[in-house]
Amino acid sequence: MDARFIIGIDLGTTNCALADVDTSAGDEASPAVQGIAQLINPGEVAAPTLLPSFLFLPGPADFAAGAIALPWEGEADAVIGELARKRGALAPQALALAEQLAPLIALRIRYDCINFALKDSRSYAAALEEQLATEQPDAAAPPPGRARW
């Protein structure tokens, strides 16, 4: 069976990107780079085509209440992408290294794919727990010498 859609995910150490191809177009099929929804400023969501590979772990005084809430998830305890890159330049001690971030981005993409596939028939968390139970427990472990965050 041939897949109708092909999805390409680049988990880069500087940026991440997502593209897809609808193969039903036959020889005319071409990849389309997709936007990745993220906070680009406090309280402002946009979907640029690149997701900077940055994770910012804010302290209690870094953002006003609700400033990093996401429309699809509510209040967050961490920021990824463009806003994380911007804020990390101001507070580098709160930035995670890109090599540590890649497994989390892969996990987030898997989360979203599972949730889409289930079409809300089960909870997001239950689907992920089921998926992770079948994998090696240390699959997302940080490189040797790095702390798990």
N, C-alpha and C. Protein backbone atom coordinates (compact mmCIF):
# COMPACT_ATOMS: atom_id res chain seq x y z
N MET A 1 0.85 -1.18 0.00
CA MET A 1 0.00 0.00 0.00
C MET A 1 0.89 1.24 0.00
N ASP A 2 0.65 2.13 -0.92
CA ASP A 2 1.41 3.37 -0.99
C ASP A 2 0.78 4.42 -0.09
N ALA A 3 1.62 5.18 0.57
CA ALA A 3 1.14 6.24 1.45
C ALA A 3 0.68 7.43 0.61
N ARG A 4 -0.45 8.01 1.00
CA ARG A 4 -0.91 9.20 0.29
C ARG A 4 -0.07 10.41 0.69
N PHE A 5 0.28 10.49 1.96
CA PHE A 5 1.05 11.63 2.44
C PHE A 5 2.42 11.16 2.90
N ILE A 6 3.42 11.97 2.59
CA ILE A 6 4.77 11.75 3.08
C ILE A 6 5.13 12.99 3.88
N ILE A 7 5.62 12.76 5.10
CA ILE A 7 5.96 13.87 5.99
C ILE A 7 7.45 13.84 6.26
N GLY A 8 8.09 14.99 6.14
CA GLY A 8 9.51 15.12 6.43
C GLY A 8 9.70 16.03 7.61
N ILE A 9 10.49 15.59 8.59
CA ILE A 9 10.75 16.37 9.79
C ILE A 9 12.26 16.52 9.94
N ASP A 10 12.74 17.75 10.04
CA ASP A 10 14.15 18.02 10.25
C ASP A 10 14.31 18.53 11.67
N LEU A 11 14.90 17.71 12.53
CA LEU A 11 15.17 18.11 13.92
C LEU A 11 16.61 18.61 13.99
N GLY A 12 16.81 19.84 13.58
CA GLY A 12 18.15 20.40 13.53
C GLY A 12 18.60 20.98 14.85
N THR A 13 19.90 21.17 14.98
CA THR A 13 20.44 21.76 16.21
C THR A 13 20.29 23.27 16.23
N THR A 14 19.97 23.89 15.10
CA THR A 14 19.72 25.33 15.05
C THR A 14 18.25 25.61 14.86
N ASN A 15 17.61 24.92 13.93
CA ASN A 15 16.19 25.07 13.65
C ASN A 15 15.59 23.71 13.31
N CYS A 16 14.28 23.61 13.48
CA CYS A 16 13.54 22.44 13.06
C CYS A 16 12.56 22.88 11.98
N ALA A 17 12.22 21.95 11.08
CA ALA A 17 11.29 22.27 10.00
C ALA A 17 10.42 21.05 9.72
N LEU A 18 9.29 21.31 9.06
CA LEU A 18 8.31 20.28 8.75
C LEU A 18 7.82 20.50 7.33
N ALA A 19 7.76 19.42 6.55
CA ALA A 19 7.24 19.51 5.18
C ALA A 19 6.42 18.26 4.90
N ASP A 20 5.52 18.38 3.91
CA ASP A 20 4.74 17.22 3.51
C ASP A 20 4.52 17.23 2.01
N VAL A 21 4.15 16.05 1.50
CA VAL A 21 3.82 15.89 0.09
C VAL A 21 2.55 15.06 0.01
N ASP A 22 1.58 15.53 -0.76
CA ASP A 22 0.38 14.76 -1.05
C ASP A 22 0.65 14.03 -2.36
N THR A 23 0.90 12.73 -2.26
CA THR A 23 1.29 11.95 -3.44
C THR A 23 0.14 11.71 -4.41
N SER A 24 -1.08 12.06 -4.02
CA SER A 24 -2.21 11.86 -4.93
C SER A 24 -2.11 12.77 -6.16
N ALA A 25 -1.24 13.77 -6.10
CA ALA A 25 -1.03 14.67 -7.25
C ALA A 25 -0.13 14.02 -8.31
N GLY A 26 0.33 12.81 -8.06
CA GLY A 26 1.15 12.08 -9.04
C GLY A 26 2.45 12.78 -9.33
N ASP A 27 2.77 12.91 -10.61
CA ASP A 27 4.03 13.52 -11.02
C ASP A 27 4.09 15.00 -10.70
N GLU A 28 2.95 15.60 -10.46
CA GLU A 28 2.89 17.03 -10.12
C GLU A 28 3.10 17.28 -8.62
N ALA A 29 3.19 16.22 -7.83
CA ALA A 29 3.36 16.36 -6.37
C ALA A 29 4.66 17.09 -6.05
N SER A 30 4.57 18.01 -5.11
CA SER A 30 5.78 18.71 -4.67
C SER A 30 5.66 18.98 -3.18
N PRO A 31 6.80 19.04 -2.49
CA PRO A 31 6.77 19.25 -1.04
C PRO A 31 6.25 20.65 -0.69
N ALA A 32 5.55 20.71 0.43
CA ALA A 32 5.07 21.99 0.96
C ALA A 32 5.63 22.14 2.37
N VAL A 33 6.39 23.19 2.60
CA VAL A 33 6.93 23.45 3.93
C VAL A 33 5.79 24.02 4.78
N GLN A 34 5.61 23.45 5.96
CA GLN A 34 4.52 23.85 6.84
C GLN A 34 5.00 24.81 7.91
N GLY A 35 4.12 25.67 8.34
CA GLY A 35 4.41 26.54 9.47
C GLY A 35 4.31 25.74 10.76
N ILE A 36 5.05 26.16 11.77
CA ILE A 36 5.04 25.49 13.07
C ILE A 36 4.59 26.51 14.11
N ALA A 37 3.39 26.31 14.64
CA ALA A 37 2.83 27.25 15.61
C ALA A 37 3.71 27.33 16.85
N GLN A 38 3.98 28.56 17.29
CA GLN A 38 4.84 28.80 18.44
C GLN A 38 4.64 30.23 18.92
N LEU A 39 5.06 30.48 20.14
CA LEU A 39 5.06 31.86 20.66
C LEU A 39 6.24 32.59 20.05
N ILE A 40 5.97 33.73 19.44
CA ILE A 40 7.08 34.52 18.90
C ILE A 40 7.36 35.74 19.78
N ASN A 41 6.39 36.12 20.57
CA ASN A 41 6.49 37.16 21.61
C ASN A 41 5.54 36.74 22.71
N PRO A 42 5.68 37.25 23.92
CA PRO A 42 4.73 36.89 24.97
C PRO A 42 3.29 37.16 24.50
N GLY A 43 2.44 36.14 24.57
CA GLY A 43 1.04 36.28 24.19
C GLY A 43 0.78 36.32 22.69
N GLU A 44 1.80 36.14 21.85
CA GLU A 44 1.62 36.22 20.40
C GLU A 44 2.07 34.92 19.72
N VAL A 45 1.09 34.22 19.15
CA VAL A 45 1.37 32.96 18.45
C VAL A 45 1.39 33.22 16.96
N ALA A 46 2.37 32.64 16.28
CA ALA A 46 2.47 32.69 14.82
C ALA A 46 2.99 31.32 14.37
N ALA A 47 3.01 31.11 13.07
CA ALA A 47 3.46 29.82 12.53
C ALA A 47 4.51 30.03 11.44
N PRO A 48 5.72 30.49 11.82
CA PRO A 48 6.79 30.59 10.82
C PRO A 48 7.21 29.19 10.38
N THR A 49 7.94 29.11 9.29
CA THR A 49 8.33 27.80 8.75
C THR A 49 9.50 27.16 9.50
N LEU A 50 10.16 27.90 10.36
CA LEU A 50 11.24 27.33 11.16
C LEU A 50 10.91 27.44 12.64
N LEU A 51 11.25 26.40 13.38
CA LEU A 51 11.12 26.40 14.83
C LEU A 51 12.54 26.41 15.39
N PRO A 52 13.01 27.55 15.92
CA PRO A 52 14.36 27.57 16.49
C PRO A 52 14.49 26.50 17.59
N SER A 53 15.61 25.80 17.60
CA SER A 53 15.85 24.70 18.55
C SER A 53 16.31 25.23 19.90
N PHE A 54 15.42 25.94 20.56
CA PHE A 54 15.72 26.52 21.86
C PHE A 54 14.60 26.19 22.83
N LEU A 55 14.99 25.94 24.07
CA LEU A 55 14.05 25.72 25.17
C LEU A 55 14.42 26.71 26.26
N PHE A 56 13.46 27.52 26.68
CA PHE A 56 13.67 28.50 27.75
C PHE A 56 12.86 28.07 28.95
N LEU A 57 13.52 27.96 30.09
CA LEU A 57 12.86 27.57 31.34
C LEU A 57 12.73 28.82 32.20
N PRO A 58 11.58 29.49 32.13
CA PRO A 58 11.43 30.77 32.82
C PRO A 58 11.30 30.63 34.33
N GLY A 59 11.76 31.67 35.01
CA GLY A 59 11.54 31.78 36.44
C GLY A 59 10.20 32.48 36.67
N PRO A 60 9.79 32.60 37.91
CA PRO A 60 8.47 33.19 38.21
C PRO A 60 8.33 34.64 37.77
N ALA A 61 9.43 35.37 37.63
CA ALA A 61 9.34 36.79 37.27
C ALA A 61 9.64 37.06 35.79
N ASP A 62 9.86 36.02 34.97
CA ASP A 62 10.23 36.22 33.58
C ASP A 62 9.08 36.67 32.68
N PHE A 63 7.87 36.22 32.96
CA PHE A 63 6.72 36.56 32.12
C PHE A 63 5.52 36.90 33.02
N ALA A 64 4.66 37.78 32.52
CA ALA A 64 3.41 38.09 33.23
C ALA A 64 2.50 36.86 33.17
N ALA A 65 1.59 36.76 34.10
CA ALA A 65 0.64 35.64 34.13
C ALA A 65 -0.09 35.53 32.79
N GLY A 66 -0.13 34.34 32.23
CA GLY A 66 -0.81 34.09 30.97
C GLY A 66 -0.02 34.43 29.73
N ALA A 67 1.15 35.03 29.86
CA ALA A 67 1.92 35.47 28.68
C ALA A 67 2.48 34.32 27.86
N ILE A 68 2.68 33.15 28.49
CA ILE A 68 3.19 32.02 27.72
C ILE A 68 2.15 30.90 27.62
N ALA A 69 0.89 31.26 27.85
CA ALA A 69 -0.19 30.29 27.66
C ALA A 69 -0.35 30.02 26.17
N LEU A 70 -0.62 28.79 25.84
CA LEU A 70 -0.81 28.39 24.45
C LEU A 70 -2.28 28.10 24.18
N PRO A 71 -2.80 28.53 23.06
CA PRO A 71 -4.23 28.33 22.77
C PRO A 71 -4.65 26.86 22.82
N TRP A 72 -3.75 25.95 22.47
CA TRP A 72 -4.08 24.53 22.43
C TRP A 72 -3.72 23.79 23.71
N GLU A 73 -3.07 24.48 24.66
CA GLU A 73 -2.60 23.76 25.84
C GLU A 73 -2.79 24.52 27.15
N GLY A 74 -2.97 25.81 27.10
CA GLY A 74 -3.06 26.59 28.33
C GLY A 74 -1.69 27.02 28.81
N GLU A 75 -1.60 27.31 30.09
CA GLU A 75 -0.35 27.81 30.67
C GLU A 75 0.75 26.77 30.54
N ALA A 76 1.94 27.23 30.22
CA ALA A 76 3.09 26.33 30.03
C ALA A 76 4.16 26.64 31.08
N ASP A 77 5.02 25.68 31.36
CA ASP A 77 6.11 25.92 32.30
C ASP A 77 7.44 26.05 31.58
N ALA A 78 7.42 25.99 30.25
CA ALA A 78 8.62 26.17 29.44
C ALA A 78 8.20 26.76 28.09
N VAL A 79 9.14 27.35 27.40
CA VAL A 79 8.89 27.96 26.10
C VAL A 79 9.87 27.37 25.11
N ILE A 80 9.39 27.01 23.91
CA ILE A 80 10.28 26.55 22.86
C ILE A 80 10.15 27.48 21.66
N GLY A 81 11.14 27.46 20.78
CA GLY A 81 11.06 28.20 19.53
C GLY A 81 11.58 29.62 19.59
N GLU A 82 10.93 30.49 18.80
CA GLU A 82 11.39 31.87 18.61
C GLU A 82 11.43 32.66 19.91
N LEU A 83 10.39 32.59 20.71
CA LEU A 83 10.39 33.34 21.98
C LEU A 83 11.49 32.82 22.90
N ALA A 84 11.70 31.52 22.91
CA ALA A 84 12.79 30.95 23.74
C ALA A 84 14.14 31.48 23.27
N ARG A 85 14.33 31.57 21.95
CA ARG A 85 15.60 32.09 21.41
C ARG A 85 15.80 33.54 21.85
N LYS A 86 14.75 34.35 21.72
CA LYS A 86 14.85 35.77 22.09
C LYS A 86 15.14 35.93 23.58
N ARG A 87 14.39 35.22 24.42
CA ARG A 87 14.58 35.37 25.87
C ARG A 87 15.87 34.73 26.34
N GLY A 88 16.30 33.68 25.66
CA GLY A 88 17.55 33.03 26.02
C GLY A 88 18.76 33.93 25.81
N ALA A 89 18.66 34.83 24.83
CA ALA A 89 19.76 35.77 24.61
C ALA A 89 19.91 36.71 25.80
N LEU A 90 18.80 36.95 26.51
CA LEU A 90 18.83 37.82 27.68
C LEU A 90 19.17 37.07 28.97
N ALA A 91 18.90 35.78 29.00
CA ALA A 91 19.14 34.97 30.21
C ALA A 91 19.66 33.61 29.79
N PRO A 92 20.92 33.51 29.33
CA PRO A 92 21.43 32.26 28.79
C PRO A 92 21.44 31.10 29.79
N GLN A 93 21.43 31.38 31.08
CA GLN A 93 21.41 30.30 32.07
C GLN A 93 20.10 29.52 32.03
N ALA A 94 19.05 30.07 31.42
CA ALA A 94 17.76 29.39 31.35
C ALA A 94 17.55 28.65 30.03
N LEU A 95 18.55 28.65 29.17
CA LEU A 95 18.44 27.98 27.87
C LEU A 95 18.95 26.55 27.95
N ALA A 96 18.28 25.66 27.28
CA ALA A 96 18.77 24.29 27.16
C ALA A 96 19.54 24.17 25.85
N LEU A 97 20.51 23.29 25.82
CA LEU A 97 21.29 23.08 24.61
C LEU A 97 20.44 22.39 23.54
N ALA A 98 20.69 22.73 22.30
CA ALA A 98 19.93 22.16 21.19
C ALA A 98 20.00 20.64 21.18
N GLU A 99 21.15 20.06 21.53
CA GLU A 99 21.27 18.60 21.51
C GLU A 99 20.39 17.96 22.58
N GLN A 100 20.06 18.71 23.63
CA GLN A 100 19.14 18.20 24.64
C GLN A 100 17.69 18.40 24.21
N LEU A 101 17.45 19.40 23.39
CA LEU A 101 16.09 19.74 22.97
C LEU A 101 15.54 18.81 21.91
N ALA A 102 16.37 18.28 21.04
CA ALA A 102 15.89 17.47 19.92
C ALA A 102 14.99 16.31 20.37
N PRO A 103 15.34 15.54 21.41
CA PRO A 103 14.43 14.46 21.83
C PRO A 103 13.08 14.99 22.29
N LEU A 104 13.04 16.17 22.90
CA LEU A 104 11.76 16.72 23.35
C LEU A 104 10.91 17.15 22.17
N ILE A 105 11.53 17.71 21.15
CA ILE A 105 10.76 18.10 19.97
C ILE A 105 10.21 16.85 19.29
N ALA A 106 11.02 15.81 19.19
CA ALA A 106 10.54 14.56 18.58
C ALA A 106 9.37 14.01 19.39
N LEU A 107 9.47 14.08 20.70
CA LEU A 107 8.39 13.61 21.56
C LEU A 107 7.14 14.44 21.36
N ARG A 108 7.29 15.75 21.24
CA ARG A 108 6.14 16.64 21.02
C ARG A 108 5.46 16.35 19.68
N ILE A 109 6.25 16.11 18.64
CA ILE A 109 5.67 15.77 17.34
C ILE A 109 4.92 14.46 17.44
N ARG A 110 5.51 13.48 18.13
CA ARG A 110 4.83 12.21 18.31
C ARG A 110 3.52 12.41 19.07
N TYR A 111 3.56 13.23 20.11
CA TYR A 111 2.37 13.57 20.89
C TYR A 111 1.27 14.08 19.96
N ASP A 112 1.61 15.06 19.12
CA ASP A 112 0.63 15.68 18.24
C ASP A 112 0.10 14.68 17.22
N CYS A 113 0.96 13.84 16.68
CA CYS A 113 0.52 12.84 15.71
C CYS A 113 -0.41 11.82 16.35
N ILE A 114 -0.07 11.38 17.55
CA ILE A 114 -0.93 10.43 18.26
C ILE A 114 -2.29 11.07 18.53
N ASN A 115 -2.27 12.30 19.01
CA ASN A 115 -3.52 12.98 19.33
C ASN A 115 -4.38 13.15 18.09
N PHE A 116 -3.77 13.51 16.96
CA PHE A 116 -4.52 13.67 15.71
C PHE A 116 -5.10 12.33 15.28
N ALA A 117 -4.30 11.28 15.36
CA ALA A 117 -4.75 9.97 14.92
C ALA A 117 -5.90 9.45 15.77
N LEU A 118 -5.88 9.76 17.06
CA LEU A 118 -6.93 9.28 17.94
C LEU A 118 -8.20 10.11 17.84
N LYS A 119 -8.09 11.29 17.24
CA LYS A 119 -9.22 12.20 17.09
C LYS A 119 -9.98 12.36 18.41
N ASP A 120 -9.20 12.59 19.48
CA ASP A 120 -9.75 12.86 20.81
C ASP A 120 -10.56 11.70 21.39
N SER A 121 -10.35 10.48 20.89
CA SER A 121 -11.09 9.35 21.47
C SER A 121 -10.51 8.93 22.82
N ARG A 122 -9.26 9.28 23.06
CA ARG A 122 -8.63 9.07 24.36
C ARG A 122 -7.85 10.31 24.70
N SER A 123 -7.42 10.41 25.94
CA SER A 123 -6.65 11.58 26.33
C SER A 123 -5.27 11.55 25.71
N TYR A 124 -4.76 12.72 25.49
CA TYR A 124 -3.43 12.94 24.95
C TYR A 124 -2.38 12.21 25.78
N ALA A 125 -2.44 12.39 27.09
CA ALA A 125 -1.45 11.80 28.00
C ALA A 125 -1.53 10.27 27.97
N ALA A 126 -2.73 9.72 27.94
CA ALA A 126 -2.88 8.26 27.92
C ALA A 126 -2.26 7.67 26.67
N ALA A 127 -2.45 8.32 25.54
CA ALA A 127 -1.87 7.83 24.28
C ALA A 127 -0.35 7.86 24.34
N LEU A 128 0.22 8.93 24.88
CA LEU A 128 1.68 9.01 24.96
C LEU A 128 2.22 7.97 25.92
N GLU A 129 1.57 7.80 27.07
CA GLU A 129 2.03 6.81 28.03
C GLU A 129 2.04 5.42 27.40
N GLU A 130 1.01 5.12 26.63
CA GLU A 130 0.95 3.83 25.95
C GLU A 130 2.11 3.68 24.96
N GLN A 131 2.38 4.73 24.20
CA GLN A 131 3.47 4.70 23.22
C GLN A 131 4.82 4.54 23.92
N LEU A 132 5.04 5.31 24.98
CA LEU A 132 6.33 5.25 25.67
C LEU A 132 6.55 3.92 26.38
N ALA A 133 5.48 3.26 26.80
CA ALA A 133 5.60 1.98 27.49
C ALA A 133 6.21 0.91 26.59
N THR A 134 6.10 1.09 25.28
CA THR A 134 6.64 0.10 24.34
C THR A 134 8.07 0.39 23.93
N GLU A 135 8.62 1.51 24.37
CA GLU A 135 9.97 1.90 23.97
C GLU A 135 10.96 1.70 25.11
N GLN A 136 12.25 1.80 24.77
CA GLN A 136 13.29 1.72 25.78
C GLN A 136 13.15 2.89 26.73
N PRO A 137 13.25 2.71 28.04
CA PRO A 137 13.07 3.81 28.99
C PRO A 137 14.08 4.94 28.85
N ASP A 138 15.28 4.66 28.35
CA ASP A 138 16.30 5.69 28.24
C ASP A 138 16.46 6.20 26.81
N ALA A 139 15.46 6.01 25.95
CA ALA A 139 15.57 6.40 24.54
C ALA A 139 15.81 7.89 24.39
N ALA A 140 15.28 8.71 25.31
CA ALA A 140 15.45 10.16 25.22
C ALA A 140 16.45 10.67 26.24
N ALA A 141 17.32 9.79 26.72
CA ALA A 141 18.30 10.21 27.72
C ALA A 141 19.27 11.21 27.11
N PRO A 142 19.71 12.17 27.90
CA PRO A 142 20.67 13.15 27.38
C PRO A 142 22.02 12.50 27.13
N PRO A 143 22.86 13.15 26.34
CA PRO A 143 24.20 12.61 26.11
C PRO A 143 24.96 12.46 27.42
N PRO A 144 25.96 11.56 27.47
CA PRO A 144 26.72 11.37 28.70
C PRO A 144 27.28 12.69 29.21
N GLY A 145 27.23 12.89 30.52
CA GLY A 145 27.75 14.10 31.12
C GLY A 145 26.76 15.25 31.15
N ARG A 146 25.57 15.08 30.58
CA ARG A 146 24.56 16.14 30.57
C ARG A 146 23.48 15.80 31.59
N ALA A 147 22.97 16.81 32.22
CA ALA A 147 21.90 16.60 33.21
C ALA A 147 20.56 16.46 32.50
N ARG A 148 19.71 15.60 33.02
CA ARG A 148 18.34 15.47 32.52
C ARG A 148 17.54 16.61 33.14
N TRP A 149 16.75 17.34 32.34
CA TRP A 149 15.98 18.45 32.90
C TRP A 149 14.55 18.20 32.87
